[in-house]
Amino acid sequence: MRIGLRYSGGDRQAALANVNMAFLKVLQKLETYKSHIPFEAWIRRIMINVVIDDFRAQKSYQANIQRQDMETISQQETYFEWNEAEIRLDAADIQALIGKLPPATAQIFNMFTFDDYTHREIAVELDITESASKWHVAKAKTILKQLIINNEKLIIENQ
């Protein structure tokens, strides 16, 4: 359910639908499970694939994917440093901030950051270029950095 919520931007109904579909696929493919693979990892991979399939089915992700060459983004925009915000923000706060990202950017950021996909794997899964994947991750970091800075300003103002 955590994977479903992370990829659905907190939409509980969409996450639940994906969880149900994943468990259906688990039951359908149970005979293909190989015992040398941890069962939890096998289910996790199925869930991620279901979420990606759902994302593809929406067809709207192509409209959200901006194809820019990674070289156009300066190193300053891609550099991200954790500070006091890391201490003050809990997992729910970070998840809420990720939920504010554009859908395609959030999808790619989640795949890269939390599910350890490479840019090449993301490009293949989502039918985009590797540079588009890199751009989305860099853009997500830039947006999240600004959201965290804004959050820090609110905390300081409210003290």
N, C-alpha and C. Protein backbone atom coordinates (compact mmCIF):
# COMPACT_ATOMS: atom_id res chain seq x y z
N MET A 1 0.83 -1.18 0.00
CA MET A 1 0.00 0.00 0.00
C MET A 1 0.88 1.26 0.00
N ARG A 2 2.03 1.19 0.70
CA ARG A 2 2.92 2.35 0.72
C ARG A 2 3.41 2.69 -0.69
N ILE A 3 3.74 1.67 -1.46
CA ILE A 3 4.18 1.90 -2.84
C ILE A 3 3.04 2.52 -3.63
N GLY A 4 1.85 1.98 -3.49
CA GLY A 4 0.69 2.50 -4.20
C GLY A 4 0.41 3.95 -3.85
N LEU A 5 0.48 4.29 -2.57
CA LEU A 5 0.24 5.66 -2.14
C LEU A 5 1.33 6.61 -2.65
N ARG A 6 2.56 6.13 -2.62
CA ARG A 6 3.66 6.97 -3.08
C ARG A 6 3.50 7.33 -4.55
N TYR A 7 3.10 6.36 -5.36
CA TYR A 7 2.98 6.61 -6.79
C TYR A 7 1.67 7.28 -7.17
N SER A 8 0.66 7.19 -6.33
CA SER A 8 -0.63 7.80 -6.67
C SER A 8 -0.74 9.22 -6.13
N GLY A 9 0.31 9.72 -5.52
CA GLY A 9 0.27 11.07 -4.98
C GLY A 9 -0.66 11.19 -3.79
N GLY A 10 -0.84 10.08 -3.07
CA GLY A 10 -1.68 10.10 -1.88
C GLY A 10 -3.14 9.76 -2.15
N ASP A 11 -3.50 9.49 -3.41
CA ASP A 11 -4.87 9.13 -3.76
C ASP A 11 -5.12 7.70 -3.30
N ARG A 12 -5.82 7.57 -2.18
CA ARG A 12 -6.03 6.27 -1.54
C ARG A 12 -6.80 5.30 -2.45
N GLN A 13 -7.78 5.79 -3.19
CA GLN A 13 -8.58 4.93 -4.07
C GLN A 13 -7.73 4.36 -5.21
N ALA A 14 -6.91 5.21 -5.81
CA ALA A 14 -6.03 4.76 -6.89
C ALA A 14 -5.01 3.76 -6.35
N ALA A 15 -4.47 4.04 -5.18
CA ALA A 15 -3.50 3.14 -4.57
C ALA A 15 -4.13 1.79 -4.27
N LEU A 16 -5.34 1.80 -3.73
CA LEU A 16 -6.04 0.56 -3.41
C LEU A 16 -6.33 -0.25 -4.67
N ALA A 17 -6.71 0.44 -5.74
CA ALA A 17 -6.96 -0.25 -7.00
C ALA A 17 -5.68 -0.93 -7.50
N ASN A 18 -4.55 -0.24 -7.38
CA ASN A 18 -3.28 -0.83 -7.81
C ASN A 18 -2.87 -2.00 -6.92
N VAL A 19 -3.10 -1.88 -5.62
CA VAL A 19 -2.79 -2.98 -4.70
C VAL A 19 -3.62 -4.21 -5.06
N ASN A 20 -4.91 -4.00 -5.31
CA ASN A 20 -5.77 -5.12 -5.69
C ASN A 20 -5.30 -5.78 -6.98
N MET A 21 -4.92 -4.96 -7.96
CA MET A 21 -4.43 -5.50 -9.23
C MET A 21 -3.12 -6.27 -9.01
N ALA A 22 -2.26 -5.74 -8.15
CA ALA A 22 -0.99 -6.42 -7.88
C ALA A 22 -1.23 -7.77 -7.23
N PHE A 23 -2.14 -7.84 -6.26
CA PHE A 23 -2.39 -9.12 -5.61
C PHE A 23 -3.04 -10.12 -6.57
N LEU A 24 -3.86 -9.62 -7.47
CA LEU A 24 -4.43 -10.50 -8.50
C LEU A 24 -3.31 -11.09 -9.35
N LYS A 25 -2.36 -10.24 -9.74
CA LYS A 25 -1.23 -10.73 -10.54
C LYS A 25 -0.36 -11.69 -9.75
N VAL A 26 -0.19 -11.42 -8.45
CA VAL A 26 0.58 -12.34 -7.60
C VAL A 26 -0.07 -13.71 -7.62
N LEU A 27 -1.39 -13.74 -7.44
CA LEU A 27 -2.10 -15.02 -7.44
C LEU A 27 -2.03 -15.71 -8.79
N GLN A 28 -2.12 -14.92 -9.86
CA GLN A 28 -2.07 -15.50 -11.20
C GLN A 28 -0.69 -16.04 -11.55
N LYS A 29 0.34 -15.45 -11.00
CA LYS A 29 1.71 -15.82 -11.35
C LYS A 29 2.44 -16.57 -10.24
N LEU A 30 1.70 -17.02 -9.26
CA LEU A 30 2.31 -17.68 -8.11
C LEU A 30 3.17 -18.88 -8.52
N GLU A 31 2.76 -19.60 -9.54
CA GLU A 31 3.52 -20.78 -9.96
C GLU A 31 4.86 -20.40 -10.60
N THR A 32 5.04 -19.12 -10.99
CA THR A 32 6.31 -18.70 -11.57
C THR A 32 7.31 -18.19 -10.53
N TYR A 33 6.86 -18.09 -9.27
CA TYR A 33 7.73 -17.61 -8.20
C TYR A 33 8.90 -18.57 -8.00
N LYS A 34 10.09 -18.00 -7.90
CA LYS A 34 11.31 -18.78 -7.67
C LYS A 34 11.72 -18.60 -6.21
N SER A 35 11.88 -19.69 -5.51
CA SER A 35 12.09 -19.65 -4.06
C SER A 35 13.41 -18.98 -3.64
N HIS A 36 14.37 -18.84 -4.54
CA HIS A 36 15.62 -18.18 -4.16
C HIS A 36 15.48 -16.66 -4.11
N ILE A 37 14.37 -16.14 -4.61
CA ILE A 37 14.09 -14.70 -4.55
C ILE A 37 13.22 -14.44 -3.33
N PRO A 38 13.56 -13.44 -2.52
CA PRO A 38 12.71 -13.13 -1.36
C PRO A 38 11.28 -12.81 -1.83
N PHE A 39 10.32 -13.41 -1.16
CA PHE A 39 8.92 -13.26 -1.56
C PHE A 39 8.48 -11.80 -1.54
N GLU A 40 8.91 -11.06 -0.51
CA GLU A 40 8.54 -9.65 -0.41
C GLU A 40 9.08 -8.84 -1.59
N ALA A 41 10.31 -9.12 -2.00
CA ALA A 41 10.90 -8.42 -3.14
C ALA A 41 10.15 -8.75 -4.43
N TRP A 42 9.72 -9.99 -4.57
CA TRP A 42 8.97 -10.42 -5.75
C TRP A 42 7.64 -9.68 -5.82
N ILE A 43 6.94 -9.59 -4.70
CA ILE A 43 5.66 -8.88 -4.66
C ILE A 43 5.88 -7.39 -4.91
N ARG A 44 6.93 -6.84 -4.34
CA ARG A 44 7.24 -5.42 -4.53
C ARG A 44 7.45 -5.10 -6.00
N ARG A 45 8.18 -5.95 -6.70
CA ARG A 45 8.44 -5.74 -8.13
C ARG A 45 7.13 -5.80 -8.92
N ILE A 46 6.26 -6.74 -8.57
CA ILE A 46 4.96 -6.83 -9.24
C ILE A 46 4.17 -5.55 -8.99
N MET A 47 4.16 -5.06 -7.77
CA MET A 47 3.42 -3.84 -7.44
C MET A 47 3.95 -2.66 -8.24
N ILE A 48 5.24 -2.53 -8.30
CA ILE A 48 5.84 -1.42 -9.06
C ILE A 48 5.46 -1.53 -10.53
N ASN A 49 5.48 -2.73 -11.07
CA ASN A 49 5.10 -2.92 -12.47
C ASN A 49 3.63 -2.59 -12.70
N VAL A 50 2.77 -2.92 -11.76
CA VAL A 50 1.35 -2.58 -11.88
C VAL A 50 1.18 -1.06 -11.88
N VAL A 51 1.90 -0.38 -11.01
CA VAL A 51 1.80 1.08 -10.94
C VAL A 51 2.29 1.70 -12.26
N ILE A 52 3.37 1.18 -12.78
CA ILE A 52 3.90 1.69 -14.05
C ILE A 52 2.90 1.43 -15.18
N ASP A 53 2.31 0.25 -15.21
CA ASP A 53 1.31 -0.07 -16.22
C ASP A 53 0.12 0.87 -16.12
N ASP A 54 -0.32 1.15 -14.89
CA ASP A 54 -1.43 2.07 -14.68
C ASP A 54 -1.06 3.47 -15.17
N PHE A 55 0.14 3.87 -14.88
CA PHE A 55 0.61 5.19 -15.30
C PHE A 55 0.63 5.29 -16.82
N ARG A 56 1.11 4.26 -17.47
CA ARG A 56 1.12 4.22 -18.93
C ARG A 56 -0.29 4.27 -19.48
N ALA A 57 -1.20 3.54 -18.86
CA ALA A 57 -2.57 3.46 -19.35
C ALA A 57 -3.27 4.80 -19.31
N GLN A 58 -2.86 5.65 -18.44
CA GLN A 58 -3.50 6.97 -18.34
C GLN A 58 -3.21 7.84 -19.56
N LYS A 59 -2.19 7.51 -20.28
CA LYS A 59 -1.80 8.21 -21.52
C LYS A 59 -1.48 9.69 -21.33
N SER A 60 -1.76 10.23 -20.16
CA SER A 60 -1.50 11.65 -19.96
C SER A 60 -0.03 11.92 -19.66
N TYR A 61 0.73 10.86 -19.33
CA TYR A 61 2.11 11.12 -18.94
C TYR A 61 2.92 11.67 -20.10
N GLN A 62 2.60 11.29 -21.33
CA GLN A 62 3.35 11.81 -22.48
C GLN A 62 3.23 13.32 -22.57
N ALA A 63 2.04 13.85 -22.26
CA ALA A 63 1.84 15.30 -22.33
C ALA A 63 2.63 16.03 -21.25
N ASN A 64 2.90 15.35 -20.14
CA ASN A 64 3.61 15.98 -19.03
C ASN A 64 5.12 15.88 -19.13
N ILE A 65 5.59 15.00 -19.98
CA ILE A 65 7.03 14.79 -20.06
C ILE A 65 7.64 15.84 -20.98
N GLN A 66 8.49 16.62 -20.40
CA GLN A 66 9.17 17.66 -21.18
C GLN A 66 10.53 17.11 -21.54
N ARG A 67 10.80 17.09 -22.81
CA ARG A 67 12.07 16.54 -23.28
C ARG A 67 13.09 17.67 -23.40
N GLN A 68 13.90 17.76 -22.41
CA GLN A 68 14.97 18.74 -22.41
C GLN A 68 16.27 18.00 -22.19
N ASP A 69 17.27 18.48 -22.82
CA ASP A 69 18.57 17.88 -22.65
C ASP A 69 19.12 18.23 -21.28
N MET A 70 19.64 17.25 -20.59
CA MET A 70 20.14 17.43 -19.23
C MET A 70 21.22 18.50 -19.17
N GLU A 71 21.93 18.69 -20.27
CA GLU A 71 23.03 19.65 -20.26
C GLU A 71 22.55 21.08 -20.09
N THR A 72 21.27 21.35 -20.34
CA THR A 72 20.77 22.71 -20.21
C THR A 72 20.54 23.09 -18.75
N ILE A 73 20.58 22.13 -17.86
CA ILE A 73 20.38 22.43 -16.45
C ILE A 73 21.74 22.59 -15.80
N SER A 74 21.93 23.70 -15.14
CA SER A 74 23.22 23.96 -14.51
C SER A 74 23.42 23.07 -13.29
N GLN A 75 24.65 22.89 -12.92
CA GLN A 75 24.97 22.08 -11.75
C GLN A 75 24.36 22.68 -10.49
N GLN A 76 24.23 24.00 -10.45
CA GLN A 76 23.66 24.64 -9.27
C GLN A 76 22.21 24.22 -9.06
N GLU A 77 21.46 24.04 -10.15
CA GLU A 77 20.07 23.64 -10.02
C GLU A 77 19.93 22.19 -9.55
N THR A 78 20.89 21.35 -9.90
CA THR A 78 20.78 19.95 -9.55
C THR A 78 21.39 19.62 -8.20
N TYR A 79 22.14 20.55 -7.60
CA TYR A 79 22.76 20.28 -6.31
C TYR A 79 21.72 20.43 -5.21
N PHE A 80 21.67 19.47 -4.34
CA PHE A 80 20.66 19.50 -3.27
C PHE A 80 21.33 19.12 -1.97
N GLU A 81 21.21 19.95 -0.99
CA GLU A 81 21.87 19.72 0.29
C GLU A 81 20.83 19.65 1.40
N TRP A 82 20.89 18.58 2.19
CA TRP A 82 19.99 18.45 3.33
C TRP A 82 20.54 19.27 4.48
N ASN A 83 19.65 19.85 5.25
CA ASN A 83 20.05 20.64 6.40
C ASN A 83 19.05 20.42 7.53
N GLU A 84 18.67 21.49 8.19
CA GLU A 84 17.71 21.40 9.28
C GLU A 84 16.38 20.80 8.82
N ALA A 85 16.05 20.99 7.55
CA ALA A 85 14.78 20.47 7.04
C ALA A 85 14.71 18.96 7.19
N GLU A 86 15.85 18.30 7.04
CA GLU A 86 15.89 16.85 7.17
C GLU A 86 15.45 16.42 8.57
N ILE A 87 15.82 17.21 9.55
CA ILE A 87 15.47 16.90 10.93
C ILE A 87 14.00 17.22 11.20
N ARG A 88 13.51 18.33 10.64
CA ARG A 88 12.16 18.80 10.94
C ARG A 88 11.06 18.09 10.14
N LEU A 89 11.40 17.53 9.01
CA LEU A 89 10.39 16.90 8.17
C LEU A 89 10.36 15.39 8.43
N ASP A 90 9.17 14.86 8.64
CA ASP A 90 9.07 13.41 8.77
C ASP A 90 8.65 12.83 7.43
N ALA A 91 8.51 11.51 7.36
CA ALA A 91 8.20 10.82 6.11
C ALA A 91 6.89 11.32 5.50
N ALA A 92 5.90 11.59 6.33
CA ALA A 92 4.61 12.06 5.82
C ALA A 92 4.76 13.44 5.18
N ASP A 93 5.57 14.30 5.79
CA ASP A 93 5.80 15.63 5.22
C ASP A 93 6.50 15.53 3.86
N ILE A 94 7.49 14.68 3.80
CA ILE A 94 8.23 14.50 2.54
C ILE A 94 7.31 13.92 1.47
N GLN A 95 6.48 12.94 1.85
CA GLN A 95 5.53 12.36 0.91
C GLN A 95 4.56 13.41 0.40
N ALA A 96 4.11 14.30 1.28
CA ALA A 96 3.21 15.38 0.87
C ALA A 96 3.89 16.32 -0.11
N LEU A 97 5.16 16.60 0.13
CA LEU A 97 5.90 17.47 -0.79
C LEU A 97 6.07 16.80 -2.15
N ILE A 98 6.37 15.50 -2.16
CA ILE A 98 6.49 14.77 -3.42
C ILE A 98 5.16 14.78 -4.16
N GLY A 99 4.06 14.73 -3.41
CA GLY A 99 2.73 14.78 -4.01
C GLY A 99 2.44 16.08 -4.72
N LYS A 100 3.20 17.12 -4.44
CA LYS A 100 3.01 18.42 -5.11
C LYS A 100 3.75 18.50 -6.44
N LEU A 101 4.57 17.51 -6.74
CA LEU A 101 5.29 17.50 -8.02
C LEU A 101 4.33 17.19 -9.15
N PRO A 102 4.64 17.63 -10.38
CA PRO A 102 3.83 17.21 -11.53
C PRO A 102 3.84 15.68 -11.61
N PRO A 103 2.75 15.07 -12.06
CA PRO A 103 2.63 13.61 -12.03
C PRO A 103 3.79 12.85 -12.68
N ALA A 104 4.19 13.25 -13.87
CA ALA A 104 5.28 12.54 -14.54
C ALA A 104 6.59 12.69 -13.78
N THR A 105 6.84 13.88 -13.27
CA THR A 105 8.06 14.13 -12.51
C THR A 105 8.07 13.32 -11.22
N ALA A 106 6.93 13.26 -10.54
CA ALA A 106 6.84 12.47 -9.31
C ALA A 106 7.05 10.99 -9.60
N GLN A 107 6.46 10.50 -10.68
CA GLN A 107 6.60 9.09 -11.07
C GLN A 107 8.06 8.74 -11.29
N ILE A 108 8.75 9.53 -12.07
CA ILE A 108 10.14 9.26 -12.39
C ILE A 108 11.03 9.44 -11.15
N PHE A 109 10.76 10.46 -10.36
CA PHE A 109 11.53 10.69 -9.12
C PHE A 109 11.39 9.49 -8.18
N ASN A 110 10.16 8.99 -8.02
CA ASN A 110 9.94 7.82 -7.16
C ASN A 110 10.67 6.60 -7.68
N MET A 111 10.60 6.36 -8.98
CA MET A 111 11.27 5.20 -9.56
C MET A 111 12.78 5.28 -9.33
N PHE A 112 13.35 6.46 -9.55
CA PHE A 112 14.79 6.63 -9.42
C PHE A 112 15.24 6.62 -7.96
N THR A 113 14.54 7.36 -7.12
CA THR A 113 14.98 7.57 -5.75
C THR A 113 14.64 6.41 -4.82
N PHE A 114 13.40 5.92 -4.89
CA PHE A 114 12.95 4.93 -3.92
C PHE A 114 13.03 3.50 -4.43
N ASP A 115 12.90 3.31 -5.73
CA ASP A 115 12.85 1.96 -6.26
C ASP A 115 14.10 1.56 -7.02
N ASP A 116 15.12 2.40 -6.98
CA ASP A 116 16.45 2.11 -7.51
C ASP A 116 16.48 1.77 -9.00
N TYR A 117 15.57 2.35 -9.76
CA TYR A 117 15.66 2.21 -11.21
C TYR A 117 16.78 3.11 -11.71
N THR A 118 17.49 2.68 -12.75
CA THR A 118 18.46 3.55 -13.40
C THR A 118 17.72 4.41 -14.41
N HIS A 119 18.38 5.44 -14.89
CA HIS A 119 17.75 6.29 -15.90
C HIS A 119 17.46 5.48 -17.17
N ARG A 120 18.33 4.56 -17.48
CA ARG A 120 18.13 3.70 -18.65
C ARG A 120 16.88 2.84 -18.47
N GLU A 121 16.72 2.25 -17.28
CA GLU A 121 15.54 1.41 -17.02
C GLU A 121 14.26 2.25 -17.06
N ILE A 122 14.31 3.45 -16.50
CA ILE A 122 13.15 4.33 -16.54
C ILE A 122 12.79 4.68 -17.97
N ALA A 123 13.81 4.99 -18.76
CA ALA A 123 13.58 5.34 -20.17
C ALA A 123 12.89 4.20 -20.91
N VAL A 124 13.33 2.98 -20.66
CA VAL A 124 12.72 1.83 -21.31
C VAL A 124 11.29 1.62 -20.83
N GLU A 125 11.08 1.68 -19.51
CA GLU A 125 9.76 1.43 -18.94
C GLU A 125 8.73 2.46 -19.39
N LEU A 126 9.13 3.72 -19.48
CA LEU A 126 8.19 4.80 -19.77
C LEU A 126 8.27 5.32 -21.20
N ASP A 127 9.14 4.70 -22.00
CA ASP A 127 9.29 5.08 -23.41
C ASP A 127 9.66 6.56 -23.55
N ILE A 128 10.70 6.94 -22.81
CA ILE A 128 11.24 8.30 -22.88
C ILE A 128 12.75 8.17 -23.05
N THR A 129 13.43 9.29 -23.22
CA THR A 129 14.89 9.25 -23.33
C THR A 129 15.51 9.26 -21.93
N GLU A 130 16.75 8.81 -21.86
CA GLU A 130 17.46 8.86 -20.58
C GLU A 130 17.62 10.31 -20.12
N SER A 131 17.87 11.21 -21.04
CA SER A 131 18.05 12.62 -20.64
C SER A 131 16.74 13.19 -20.10
N ALA A 132 15.59 12.73 -20.61
CA ALA A 132 14.31 13.19 -20.06
C ALA A 132 14.15 12.69 -18.64
N SER A 133 14.57 11.46 -18.39
CA SER A 133 14.51 10.91 -17.04
C SER A 133 15.40 11.72 -16.10
N LYS A 134 16.60 12.01 -16.54
CA LYS A 134 17.52 12.80 -15.73
C LYS A 134 16.96 14.19 -15.47
N TRP A 135 16.34 14.77 -16.49
CA TRP A 135 15.76 16.10 -16.34
C TRP A 135 14.67 16.08 -15.27
N HIS A 136 13.80 15.07 -15.31
CA HIS A 136 12.71 14.99 -14.34
C HIS A 136 13.23 14.84 -12.91
N VAL A 137 14.26 14.03 -12.72
CA VAL A 137 14.83 13.86 -11.38
C VAL A 137 15.44 15.18 -10.91
N ALA A 138 16.17 15.84 -11.79
CA ALA A 138 16.76 17.14 -11.43
C ALA A 138 15.67 18.17 -11.15
N LYS A 139 14.63 18.18 -11.95
CA LYS A 139 13.52 19.11 -11.76
C LYS A 139 12.83 18.83 -10.42
N ALA A 140 12.63 17.56 -10.11
CA ALA A 140 12.00 17.19 -8.83
C ALA A 140 12.84 17.69 -7.67
N LYS A 141 14.14 17.52 -7.75
CA LYS A 141 15.02 17.98 -6.68
C LYS A 141 14.94 19.49 -6.52
N THR A 142 14.90 20.20 -7.64
CA THR A 142 14.80 21.65 -7.60
C THR A 142 13.49 22.10 -6.95
N ILE A 143 12.39 21.49 -7.38
CA ILE A 143 11.08 21.84 -6.83
C ILE A 143 11.02 21.49 -5.35
N LEU A 144 11.49 20.29 -5.00
CA LEU A 144 11.46 19.87 -3.59
C LEU A 144 12.32 20.76 -2.72
N LYS A 145 13.46 21.16 -3.24
CA LYS A 145 14.32 22.07 -2.49
C LYS A 145 13.59 23.37 -2.19
N GLN A 146 12.92 23.92 -3.19
CA GLN A 146 12.18 25.17 -3.00
C GLN A 146 11.03 24.97 -2.03
N LEU A 147 10.33 23.84 -2.14
CA LEU A 147 9.23 23.56 -1.21
C LEU A 147 9.73 23.44 0.22
N ILE A 148 10.88 22.80 0.39
CA ILE A 148 11.46 22.65 1.73
C ILE A 148 11.88 24.01 2.28
N ILE A 149 12.50 24.83 1.43
CA ILE A 149 12.89 26.18 1.87
C ILE A 149 11.66 26.97 2.28
N ASN A 150 10.60 26.90 1.47
CA ASN A 150 9.36 27.60 1.82
C ASN A 150 8.77 27.07 3.12
N ASN A 151 8.85 25.77 3.32
CA ASN A 151 8.36 25.15 4.55
C ASN A 151 9.17 25.64 5.75
N GLU A 152 10.48 25.74 5.58
CA GLU A 152 11.35 26.23 6.65
C GLU A 152 10.98 27.68 7.01
N LYS A 153 10.69 28.50 6.00
CA LYS A 153 10.31 29.89 6.25
C LYS A 153 9.02 29.95 7.06
N LEU A 154 8.07 29.08 6.72
CA LEU A 154 6.79 29.04 7.47
C LEU A 154 7.02 28.64 8.91
N ILE A 155 7.90 27.67 9.14
CA ILE A 155 8.18 27.21 10.50
C ILE A 155 8.81 28.34 11.31
N ILE A 156 9.77 29.03 10.70
CA ILE A 156 10.45 30.12 11.40
C ILE A 156 9.47 31.25 11.69
N GLU A 157 8.60 31.59 10.74
CA GLU A 157 7.63 32.66 10.94
C GLU A 157 6.63 32.32 12.03
N ASN A 158 6.29 31.04 12.18
CA ASN A 158 5.30 30.63 13.16
C ASN A 158 5.88 30.40 14.56
N GLN A 159 7.19 30.54 14.70
CA GLN A 159 7.79 30.32 16.03
C GLN A 159 7.68 31.53 16.89
